[in-house]
Amino acid sequence: MNSKLHTEAVDSLFDAILSLKDRDECYKFLEDIATINEILSLSQRFEVAQMLHDHKTYMEIAQKTGASTATISRVNRSLTYGNDGYAMVFERIGK
């Protein structure tokens, strides 16, 4: 994990996220804290990760999500060499 990321401010943000009880609360909080484009960008990366996990091609992913090949490559690198965060979440949500 990235030690530069571990700060009191980030811990506080994560605690706030972990306090959310349902999807409606997530929408309310994230719409207040982030721009629509930031939320859409995160959701696009997650969709790309799901499609890579399902062995879709870069072409299929780019066509469906509109993500650039650079974004797809970056997400793929995280899936392959990251902290296994995607794998953990996929297992928990049944993907």
PDB file of N, CA and C in Angstrom:
ATOM      1  N   MET A   1       0.834  -1.191   0.000  1.00  0.00           N
ATOM      2  CA  MET A   1       0.000   0.000   0.000  1.00  0.00           C
ATOM      3  C   MET A   1       0.870   1.243   0.000  1.00  0.00           C
ATOM      4  N   ASN A   2       0.327   2.285  -0.552  1.00  0.00           N
ATOM      5  CA  ASN A   2       1.050   3.531  -0.699  1.00  0.00           C
ATOM      6  C   ASN A   2       1.094   4.283   0.623  1.00  0.00           C
ATOM      7  N   SER A   3       2.286   4.422   1.194  1.00  0.00           N
ATOM      8  CA  SER A   3       2.415   5.092   2.488  1.00  0.00           C
ATOM      9  C   SER A   3       2.079   6.577   2.404  1.00  0.00           C
ATOM     10  N   LYS A   4       2.198   7.182   1.219  1.00  0.00           N
ATOM     11  CA  LYS A   4       1.853   8.596   1.061  1.00  0.00           C
ATOM     12  C   LYS A   4       0.348   8.811   1.199  1.00  0.00           C
ATOM     13  N   LEU A   5      -0.413   7.766   0.989  1.00  0.00           N
ATOM     14  CA  LEU A   5      -1.868   7.852   1.070  1.00  0.00           C
ATOM     15  C   LEU A   5      -2.356   7.829   2.515  1.00  0.00           C
ATOM     16  N   HIS A   6      -1.582   7.228   3.393  1.00  0.00           N
ATOM     17  CA  HIS A   6      -1.996   7.055   4.781  1.00  0.00           C
ATOM     18  C   HIS A   6      -1.776   8.345   5.564  1.00  0.00           C
ATOM     19  N   THR A   7      -2.855   9.119   5.672  1.00  0.00           N
ATOM     20  CA  THR A   7      -2.832  10.353   6.453  1.00  0.00           C
ATOM     21  C   THR A   7      -4.074  10.383   7.333  1.00  0.00           C
ATOM     22  N   GLU A   8      -4.065  11.247   8.304  1.00  0.00           N
ATOM     23  CA  GLU A   8      -5.251  11.392   9.160  1.00  0.00           C
ATOM     24  C   GLU A   8      -6.459  11.841   8.349  1.00  0.00           C
ATOM     25  N   ALA A   9      -6.239  12.709   7.371  1.00  0.00           N
ATOM     26  CA  ALA A   9      -7.348  13.203   6.545  1.00  0.00           C
ATOM     27  C   ALA A   9      -7.960  12.065   5.731  1.00  0.00           C
ATOM     28  N   VAL A  10      -7.120  11.200   5.161  1.00  0.00           N
ATOM     29  CA  VAL A  10      -7.628  10.070   4.383  1.00  0.00           C
ATOM     30  C   VAL A  10      -8.328   9.083   5.311  1.00  0.00           C
ATOM     31  N   ASP A  11      -7.749   8.826   6.489  1.00  0.00           N
ATOM     32  CA  ASP A  11      -8.412   7.959   7.464  1.00  0.00           C
ATOM     33  C   ASP A  11      -9.802   8.494   7.811  1.00  0.00           C
ATOM     34  N   SER A  12      -9.896   9.790   7.996  1.00  0.00           N
ATOM     35  CA  SER A  12     -11.173  10.412   8.329  1.00  0.00           C
ATOM     36  C   SER A  12     -12.181  10.252   7.184  1.00  0.00           C
ATOM     37  N   LEU A  13     -11.722  10.447   5.945  1.00  0.00           N
ATOM     38  CA  LEU A  13     -12.589  10.252   4.785  1.00  0.00           C
ATOM     39  C   LEU A  13     -13.081   8.813   4.722  1.00  0.00           C
ATOM     40  N   PHE A  14     -12.174   7.849   4.889  1.00  0.00           N
ATOM     41  CA  PHE A  14     -12.551   6.432   4.827  1.00  0.00           C
ATOM     42  C   PHE A  14     -13.524   6.078   5.945  1.00  0.00           C
ATOM     43  N   ASP A  15     -13.319   6.651   7.137  1.00  0.00           N
ATOM     44  CA  ASP A  15     -14.265   6.417   8.237  1.00  0.00           C
ATOM     45  C   ASP A  15     -15.649   6.940   7.870  1.00  0.00           C
ATOM     46  N   ALA A  16     -15.682   8.091   7.210  1.00  0.00           N
ATOM     47  CA  ALA A  16     -16.970   8.654   6.774  1.00  0.00           C
ATOM     48  C   ALA A  16     -17.633   7.728   5.763  1.00  0.00           C
ATOM     49  N   ILE A  17     -16.866   7.228   4.803  1.00  0.00           N
ATOM     50  CA  ILE A  17     -17.418   6.316   3.800  1.00  0.00           C
ATOM     51  C   ILE A  17     -17.925   5.040   4.461  1.00  0.00           C
ATOM     52  N   LEU A  18     -17.150   4.513   5.395  1.00  0.00           N
ATOM     53  CA  LEU A  18     -17.551   3.279   6.077  1.00  0.00           C
ATOM     54  C   LEU A  18     -18.797   3.466   6.941  1.00  0.00           C
ATOM     55  N   SER A  19     -19.125   4.709   7.283  1.00  0.00           N
ATOM     56  CA  SER A  19     -20.321   4.963   8.096  1.00  0.00           C
ATOM     57  C   SER A  19     -21.609   4.963   7.268  1.00  0.00           C
ATOM     58  N   LEU A  20     -21.482   5.009   5.944  1.00  0.00           N
ATOM     59  CA  LEU A  20     -22.660   5.043   5.082  1.00  0.00           C
ATOM     60  C   LEU A  20     -23.405   3.716   5.149  1.00  0.00           C
ATOM     61  N   LYS A  21     -24.740   3.794   5.193  1.00  0.00           N
ATOM     62  CA  LYS A  21     -25.550   2.605   5.427  1.00  0.00           C
ATOM     63  C   LYS A  21     -26.143   1.975   4.171  1.00  0.00           C
ATOM     64  N   ASP A  22     -26.341   2.768   3.116  1.00  0.00           N
ATOM     65  CA  ASP A  22     -26.967   2.210   1.919  1.00  0.00           C
ATOM     66  C   ASP A  22     -26.602   3.046   0.696  1.00  0.00           C
ATOM     67  N   ARG A  23     -27.074   2.615  -0.454  1.00  0.00           N
ATOM     68  CA  ARG A  23     -26.752   3.275  -1.718  1.00  0.00           C
ATOM     69  C   ARG A  23     -27.230   4.726  -1.733  1.00  0.00           C
ATOM     70  N   ASP A  24     -28.415   4.995  -1.166  1.00  0.00           N
ATOM     71  CA  ASP A  24     -28.936   6.358  -1.137  1.00  0.00           C
ATOM     72  C   ASP A  24     -27.994   7.280  -0.358  1.00  0.00           C
ATOM     73  N   GLU A  25     -27.494   6.803   0.769  1.00  0.00           N
ATOM     74  CA  GLU A  25     -26.539   7.593   1.548  1.00  0.00           C
ATOM     75  C   GLU A  25     -25.245   7.806   0.769  1.00  0.00           C
ATOM     76  N   CYS A  26     -24.820   6.797   0.007  1.00  0.00           N
ATOM     77  CA  CYS A  26     -23.625   6.935  -0.834  1.00  0.00           C
ATOM     78  C   CYS A  26     -23.821   8.043  -1.858  1.00  0.00           C
ATOM     79  N   TYR A  27     -24.972   8.029  -2.524  1.00  0.00           N
ATOM     80  CA  TYR A  27     -25.259   9.091  -3.496  1.00  0.00           C
ATOM     81  C   TYR A  27     -25.200  10.458  -2.831  1.00  0.00           C
ATOM     82  N   LYS A  28     -25.862  10.610  -1.694  1.00  0.00           N
ATOM     83  CA  LYS A  28     -25.897  11.910  -1.013  1.00  0.00           C
ATOM     84  C   LYS A  28     -24.494  12.384  -0.650  1.00  0.00           C
ATOM     85  N   PHE A  29     -23.711  11.517  -0.045  1.00  0.00           N
ATOM     86  CA  PHE A  29     -22.375  11.898   0.401  1.00  0.00           C
ATOM     87  C   PHE A  29     -21.447  12.172  -0.776  1.00  0.00           C
ATOM     88  N   LEU A  30     -21.412  11.239  -1.736  1.00  0.00           N
ATOM     89  CA  LEU A  30     -20.485  11.405  -2.852  1.00  0.00           C
ATOM     90  C   LEU A  30     -20.844  12.607  -3.725  1.00  0.00           C
ATOM     91  N   GLU A  31     -22.130  12.895  -3.888  1.00  0.00           N
ATOM     92  CA  GLU A  31     -22.516  14.076  -4.664  1.00  0.00           C
ATOM     93  C   GLU A  31     -22.113  15.365  -3.958  1.00  0.00           C
ATOM     94  N   ASP A  32     -22.012  15.324  -2.629  1.00  0.00           N
ATOM     95  CA  ASP A  32     -21.558  16.496  -1.883  1.00  0.00           C
ATOM     96  C   ASP A  32     -20.036  16.646  -1.920  1.00  0.00           C
ATOM     97  N   ILE A  33     -19.321  15.525  -1.866  1.00  0.00           N
ATOM     98  CA  ILE A  33     -17.865  15.591  -1.714  1.00  0.00           C
ATOM     99  C   ILE A  33     -17.112  15.598  -3.043  1.00  0.00           C
ATOM    100  N   ALA A  34     -17.725  15.097  -4.101  1.00  0.00           N
ATOM    101  CA  ALA A  34     -17.036  14.976  -5.383  1.00  0.00           C
ATOM    102  C   ALA A  34     -17.896  15.553  -6.502  1.00  0.00           C
ATOM    103  N   THR A  35     -17.238  15.879  -7.598  1.00  0.00           N
ATOM    104  CA  THR A  35     -17.989  16.344  -8.766  1.00  0.00           C
ATOM    105  C   THR A  35     -18.632  15.130  -9.450  1.00  0.00           C
ATOM    106  N   ILE A  36     -19.610  15.400 -10.262  1.00  0.00           N
ATOM    107  CA  ILE A  36     -20.254  14.333 -11.027  1.00  0.00           C
ATOM    108  C   ILE A  36     -19.217  13.633 -11.901  1.00  0.00           C
ATOM    109  N   ASN A  37     -18.329  14.400 -12.521  1.00  0.00           N
ATOM    110  CA  ASN A  37     -17.302  13.799 -13.380  1.00  0.00           C
ATOM    111  C   ASN A  37     -16.352  12.907 -12.596  1.00  0.00           C
ATOM    112  N   GLU A  38     -16.018  13.286 -11.369  1.00  0.00           N
ATOM    113  CA  GLU A  38     -15.143  12.442 -10.544  1.00  0.00           C
ATOM    114  C   GLU A  38     -15.827  11.119 -10.201  1.00  0.00           C
ATOM    115  N   ILE A  39     -17.095  11.186  -9.854  1.00  0.00           N
ATOM    116  CA  ILE A  39     -17.844   9.965  -9.534  1.00  0.00           C
ATOM    117  C   ILE A  39     -17.964   9.089 -10.777  1.00  0.00           C
ATOM    118  N   LEU A  40     -18.288   9.693 -11.909  1.00  0.00           N
ATOM    119  CA  LEU A  40     -18.408   8.928 -13.157  1.00  0.00           C
ATOM    120  C   LEU A  40     -17.080   8.309 -13.557  1.00  0.00           C
ATOM    121  N   SER A  41     -15.990   9.014 -13.324  1.00  0.00           N
ATOM    122  CA  SER A  41     -14.665   8.480 -13.642  1.00  0.00           C
ATOM    123  C   SER A  41     -14.350   7.255 -12.781  1.00  0.00           C
ATOM    124  N   LEU A  42     -14.649   7.323 -11.492  1.00  0.00           N
ATOM    125  CA  LEU A  42     -14.440   6.175 -10.607  1.00  0.00           C
ATOM    126  C   LEU A  42     -15.309   4.998 -11.023  1.00  0.00           C
ATOM    127  N   SER A  43     -16.562   5.286 -11.355  1.00  0.00           N
ATOM    128  CA  SER A  43     -17.461   4.199 -11.755  1.00  0.00           C
ATOM    129  C   SER A  43     -17.009   3.588 -13.082  1.00  0.00           C
ATOM    130  N   GLN A  44     -16.464   4.417 -13.978  1.00  0.00           N
ATOM    131  CA  GLN A  44     -15.948   3.890 -15.242  1.00  0.00           C
ATOM    132  C   GLN A  44     -14.775   2.951 -14.982  1.00  0.00           C
ATOM    133  N   ARG A  45     -13.864   3.337 -14.111  1.00  0.00           N
ATOM    134  CA  ARG A  45     -12.721   2.478 -13.786  1.00  0.00           C
ATOM    135  C   ARG A  45     -13.184   1.156 -13.187  1.00  0.00           C
ATOM    136  N   PHE A  46     -14.199   1.219 -12.335  1.00  0.00           N
ATOM    137  CA  PHE A  46     -14.702  -0.010 -11.725  1.00  0.00           C
ATOM    138  C   PHE A  46     -15.354  -0.902 -12.785  1.00  0.00           C
ATOM    139  N   GLU A  47     -16.093  -0.297 -13.704  1.00  0.00           N
ATOM    140  CA  GLU A  47     -16.704  -1.076 -14.788  1.00  0.00           C
ATOM    141  C   GLU A  47     -15.627  -1.712 -15.667  1.00  0.00           C
ATOM    142  N   VAL A  48     -14.571  -0.953 -15.959  1.00  0.00           N
ATOM    143  CA  VAL A  48     -13.449  -1.490 -16.727  1.00  0.00           C
ATOM    144  C   VAL A  48     -12.836  -2.683 -15.993  1.00  0.00           C
ATOM    145  N   ALA A  49     -12.630  -2.547 -14.693  1.00  0.00           N
ATOM    146  CA  ALA A  49     -12.048  -3.636 -13.903  1.00  0.00           C
ATOM    147  C   ALA A  49     -12.935  -4.875 -13.943  1.00  0.00           C
ATOM    148  N   GLN A  50     -14.243  -4.675 -13.837  1.00  0.00           N
ATOM    149  CA  GLN A  50     -15.168  -5.806 -13.905  1.00  0.00           C
ATOM    150  C   GLN A  50     -15.067  -6.508 -15.258  1.00  0.00           C
ATOM    151  N   MET A  51     -14.991  -5.723 -16.330  1.00  0.00           N
ATOM    152  CA  MET A  51     -14.928  -6.305 -17.667  1.00  0.00           C
ATOM    153  C   MET A  51     -13.591  -7.012 -17.897  1.00  0.00           C
ATOM    154  N   LEU A  52     -12.499  -6.447 -17.396  1.00  0.00           N
ATOM    155  CA  LEU A  52     -11.203  -7.125 -17.488  1.00  0.00           C
ATOM    156  C   LEU A  52     -11.241  -8.430 -16.702  1.00  0.00           C
ATOM    157  N   HIS A  53     -11.846  -8.382 -15.551  1.00  0.00           N
ATOM    158  CA  HIS A  53     -11.996  -9.579 -14.718  1.00  0.00           C
ATOM    159  C   HIS A  53     -12.785 -10.664 -15.451  1.00  0.00           C
ATOM    160  N   ASP A  54     -13.724 -10.232 -16.287  1.00  0.00           N
ATOM    161  CA  ASP A  54     -14.537 -11.154 -17.084  1.00  0.00           C
ATOM    162  C   ASP A  54     -13.886 -11.489 -18.430  1.00  0.00           C
ATOM    163  N   HIS A  55     -12.608 -11.116 -18.580  1.00  0.00           N
ATOM    164  CA  HIS A  55     -11.795 -11.450 -19.761  1.00  0.00           C
ATOM    165  C   HIS A  55     -12.292 -10.812 -21.055  1.00  0.00           C
ATOM    166  N   LYS A  56     -12.867  -9.612 -20.946  1.00  0.00           N
ATOM    167  CA  LYS A  56     -13.260  -8.865 -22.145  1.00  0.00           C
ATOM    168  C   LYS A  56     -12.019  -8.230 -22.775  1.00  0.00           C
ATOM    169  N   THR A  57     -12.068  -7.995 -24.066  1.00  0.00           N
ATOM    170  CA  THR A  57     -10.939  -7.380 -24.762  1.00  0.00           C
ATOM    171  C   THR A  57     -10.943  -5.870 -24.542  1.00  0.00           C
ATOM    172  N   TYR A  58      -9.778  -5.261 -24.771  1.00  0.00           N
ATOM    173  CA  TYR A  58      -9.681  -3.802 -24.671  1.00  0.00           C
ATOM    174  C   TYR A  58     -10.694  -3.139 -25.600  1.00  0.00           C
ATOM    175  N   MET A  59     -10.850  -3.699 -26.802  1.00  0.00           N
ATOM    176  CA  MET A  59     -11.784  -3.134 -27.788  1.00  0.00           C
ATOM    177  C   MET A  59     -13.213  -3.178 -27.253  1.00  0.00           C
ATOM    178  N   GLU A  60     -13.618  -4.314 -26.708  1.00  0.00           N
ATOM    179  CA  GLU A  60     -14.966  -4.438 -26.146  1.00  0.00           C
ATOM    180  C   GLU A  60     -15.170  -3.448 -25.001  1.00  0.00           C
ATOM    181  N   ILE A  61     -14.159  -3.340 -24.149  1.00  0.00           N
ATOM    182  CA  ILE A  61     -14.254  -2.454 -22.989  1.00  0.00           C
ATOM    183  C   ILE A  61     -14.341  -0.998 -23.428  1.00  0.00           C
ATOM    184  N   ALA A  62     -13.483  -0.612 -24.369  1.00  0.00           N
ATOM    185  CA  ALA A  62     -13.488   0.775 -24.853  1.00  0.00           C
ATOM    186  C   ALA A  62     -14.821   1.122 -25.492  1.00  0.00           C
ATOM    187  N   GLN A  63     -15.374   0.203 -26.275  1.00  0.00           N
ATOM    188  CA  GLN A  63     -16.654   0.467 -26.940  1.00  0.00           C
ATOM    189  C   GLN A  63     -17.788   0.609 -25.929  1.00  0.00           C
ATOM    190  N   LYS A  64     -17.829  -0.261 -24.913  1.00  0.00           N
ATOM    191  CA  LYS A  64     -18.935  -0.228 -23.958  1.00  0.00           C
ATOM    192  C   LYS A  64     -18.819   0.929 -22.964  1.00  0.00           C
ATOM    193  N   THR A  65     -17.593   1.198 -22.490  1.00  0.00           N
ATOM    194  CA  THR A  65     -17.424   2.171 -21.406  1.00  0.00           C
ATOM    195  C   THR A  65     -16.996   3.553 -21.870  1.00  0.00           C
ATOM    196  N   GLY A  66     -16.415   3.622 -23.072  1.00  0.00           N
ATOM    197  CA  GLY A  66     -15.865   4.894 -23.530  1.00  0.00           C
ATOM    198  C   GLY A  66     -14.503   5.195 -22.924  1.00  0.00           C
ATOM    199  N   ALA A  67     -13.951   4.257 -22.174  1.00  0.00           N
ATOM    200  CA  ALA A  67     -12.645   4.458 -21.545  1.00  0.00           C
ATOM    201  C   ALA A  67     -11.549   4.407 -22.600  1.00  0.00           C
ATOM    202  N   SER A  68     -10.517   5.182 -22.387  1.00  0.00           N
ATOM    203  CA  SER A  68      -9.369   5.158 -23.289  1.00  0.00           C
ATOM    204  C   SER A  68      -8.546   3.897 -23.027  1.00  0.00           C
ATOM    205  N   THR A  69      -7.731   3.537 -24.005  1.00  0.00           N
ATOM    206  CA  THR A  69      -6.868   2.367 -23.795  1.00  0.00           C
ATOM    207  C   THR A  69      -5.873   2.635 -22.668  1.00  0.00           C
ATOM    208  N   ALA A  70      -5.497   3.886 -22.454  1.00  0.00           N
ATOM    209  CA  ALA A  70      -4.607   4.229 -21.339  1.00  0.00           C
ATOM    210  C   ALA A  70      -5.281   3.936 -20.005  1.00  0.00           C
ATOM    211  N   THR A  71      -6.552   4.291 -19.878  1.00  0.00           N
ATOM    212  CA  THR A  71      -7.299   4.012 -18.652  1.00  0.00           C
ATOM    213  C   THR A  71      -7.452   2.509 -18.464  1.00  0.00           C
ATOM    214  N   ILE A  72      -7.789   1.813 -19.522  1.00  0.00           N
ATOM    215  CA  ILE A  72      -7.958   0.359 -19.436  1.00  0.00           C
ATOM    216  C   ILE A  72      -6.642  -0.283 -19.008  1.00  0.00           C
ATOM    217  N   SER A  73      -5.550   0.166 -19.586  1.00  0.00           N
ATOM    218  CA  SER A  73      -4.228  -0.356 -19.251  1.00  0.00           C
ATOM    219  C   SER A  73      -3.883  -0.078 -17.789  1.00  0.00           C
ATOM    220  N   ARG A  74      -4.187   1.111 -17.312  1.00  0.00           N
ATOM    221  CA  ARG A  74      -3.908   1.485 -15.922  1.00  0.00           C
ATOM    222  C   ARG A  74      -4.703   0.601 -14.959  1.00  0.00           C
ATOM    223  N   VAL A  75      -5.969   0.371 -15.279  1.00  0.00           N
ATOM    224  CA  VAL A  75      -6.806  -0.493 -14.441  1.00  0.00           C
ATOM    225  C   VAL A  75      -6.278  -1.928 -14.486  1.00  0.00           C
ATOM    226  N   ASN A  76      -5.892  -2.375 -15.665  1.00  0.00           N
ATOM    227  CA  ASN A  76      -5.346  -3.722 -15.808  1.00  0.00           C
ATOM    228  C   ASN A  76      -4.081  -3.894 -14.966  1.00  0.00           C
ATOM    229  N   ARG A  77      -3.252  -2.866 -14.944  1.00  0.00           N
ATOM    230  CA  ARG A  77      -2.034  -2.897 -14.130  1.00  0.00           C
ATOM    231  C   ARG A  77      -2.389  -3.018 -12.642  1.00  0.00           C
ATOM    232  N   SER A  78      -3.426  -2.313 -12.223  1.00  0.00           N
ATOM    233  CA  SER A  78      -3.871  -2.416 -10.830  1.00  0.00           C
ATOM    234  C   SER A  78      -4.404  -3.802 -10.511  1.00  0.00           C
ATOM    235  N   LEU A  79      -5.131  -4.381 -11.462  1.00  0.00           N
ATOM    236  CA  LEU A  79      -5.643  -5.739 -11.262  1.00  0.00           C
ATOM    237  C   LEU A  79      -4.502  -6.748 -11.151  1.00  0.00           C
ATOM    238  N   THR A  80      -3.466  -6.546 -11.940  1.00  0.00           N
ATOM    239  CA  THR A  80      -2.360  -7.501 -12.001  1.00  0.00           C
ATOM    240  C   THR A  80      -1.331  -7.288 -10.895  1.00  0.00           C
ATOM    241  N   TYR A  81      -0.976  -6.038 -10.633  1.00  0.00           N
ATOM    242  CA  TYR A  81       0.129  -5.740  -9.722  1.00  0.00           C
ATOM    243  C   TYR A  81      -0.272  -4.925  -8.499  1.00  0.00           C
ATOM    244  N   GLY A  82      -1.555  -4.673  -8.331  1.00  0.00           N
ATOM    245  CA  GLY A  82      -2.016  -3.819  -7.241  1.00  0.00           C
ATOM    246  C   GLY A  82      -2.106  -4.538  -5.905  1.00  0.00           C
ATOM    247  N   ASN A  83      -2.921  -4.002  -5.037  1.00  0.00           N
ATOM    248  CA  ASN A  83      -3.070  -4.501  -3.673  1.00  0.00           C
ATOM    249  C   ASN A  83      -4.193  -5.519  -3.510  1.00  0.00           C
ATOM    250  N   ASP A  84      -4.724  -6.020  -4.608  1.00  0.00           N
ATOM    251  CA  ASP A  84      -5.824  -6.987  -4.619  1.00  0.00           C
ATOM    252  C   ASP A  84      -7.129  -6.427  -4.078  1.00  0.00           C
ATOM    253  N   GLY A  85      -7.259  -5.111  -4.107  1.00  0.00           N
ATOM    254  CA  GLY A  85      -8.497  -4.482  -3.668  1.00  0.00           C
ATOM    255  C   GLY A  85      -9.672  -4.830  -4.559  1.00  0.00           C
ATOM    256  N   TYR A  86      -9.431  -4.810  -5.877  1.00  0.00           N
ATOM    257  CA  TYR A  86     -10.506  -5.193  -6.793  1.00  0.00           C
ATOM    258  C   TYR A  86     -10.936  -6.633  -6.534  1.00  0.00           C
ATOM    259  N   ALA A  87      -9.975  -7.538  -6.408  1.00  0.00           N
ATOM    260  CA  ALA A  87     -10.289  -8.958  -6.193  1.00  0.00           C
ATOM    261  C   ALA A  87     -11.106  -9.143  -4.916  1.00  0.00           C
ATOM    262  N   MET A  88     -10.739  -8.423  -3.874  1.00  0.00           N
ATOM    263  CA  MET A  88     -11.456  -8.506  -2.611  1.00  0.00           C
ATOM    264  C   MET A  88     -12.919  -8.080  -2.790  1.00  0.00           C
ATOM    265  N   VAL A  89     -13.117  -6.970  -3.487  1.00  0.00           N
ATOM    266  CA  VAL A  89     -14.470  -6.462  -3.695  1.00  0.00           C
ATOM    267  C   VAL A  89     -15.264  -7.380  -4.617  1.00  0.00           C
ATOM    268  N   PHE A  90     -14.640  -7.863  -5.689  1.00  0.00           N
ATOM    269  CA  PHE A  90     -15.335  -8.777  -6.593  1.00  0.00           C
ATOM    270  C   PHE A  90     -15.807 -10.021  -5.848  1.00  0.00           C
ATOM    271  N   GLU A  91     -14.975 -10.524  -4.975  1.00  0.00           N
ATOM    272  CA  GLU A  91     -15.366 -11.711  -4.196  1.00  0.00           C
ATOM    273  C   GLU A  91     -16.553 -11.398  -3.295  1.00  0.00           C
ATOM    274  N   ARG A  92     -16.542 -10.241  -2.689  1.00  0.00           N
ATOM    275  CA  ARG A  92     -17.618  -9.869  -1.759  1.00  0.00           C
ATOM    276  C   ARG A  92     -18.940  -9.590  -2.454  1.00  0.00           C
ATOM    277  N   ILE A  93     -18.875  -9.071  -3.681  1.00  0.00           N
ATOM    278  CA  ILE A  93     -20.122  -8.769  -4.382  1.00  0.00           C
ATOM    279  C   ILE A  93     -20.531  -9.886  -5.336  1.00  0.00           C
ATOM    280  N   GLY A  94     -19.754 -10.953  -5.332  1.00  0.00           N
ATOM    281  CA  GLY A  94     -20.124 -12.125  -6.122  1.00  0.00           C
ATOM    282  C   GLY A  94     -19.812 -12.019  -7.586  1.00  0.00           C
ATOM    283  N   LYS A  95     -18.748 -11.332  -7.951  1.00  0.00           N
ATOM    284  CA  LYS A  95     -18.354 -11.191  -9.372  1.00  0.00           C
ATOM    285  C   LYS A  95     -17.277 -12.195  -9.704  1.00  0.00           C
TER     286      LYS A  95
END
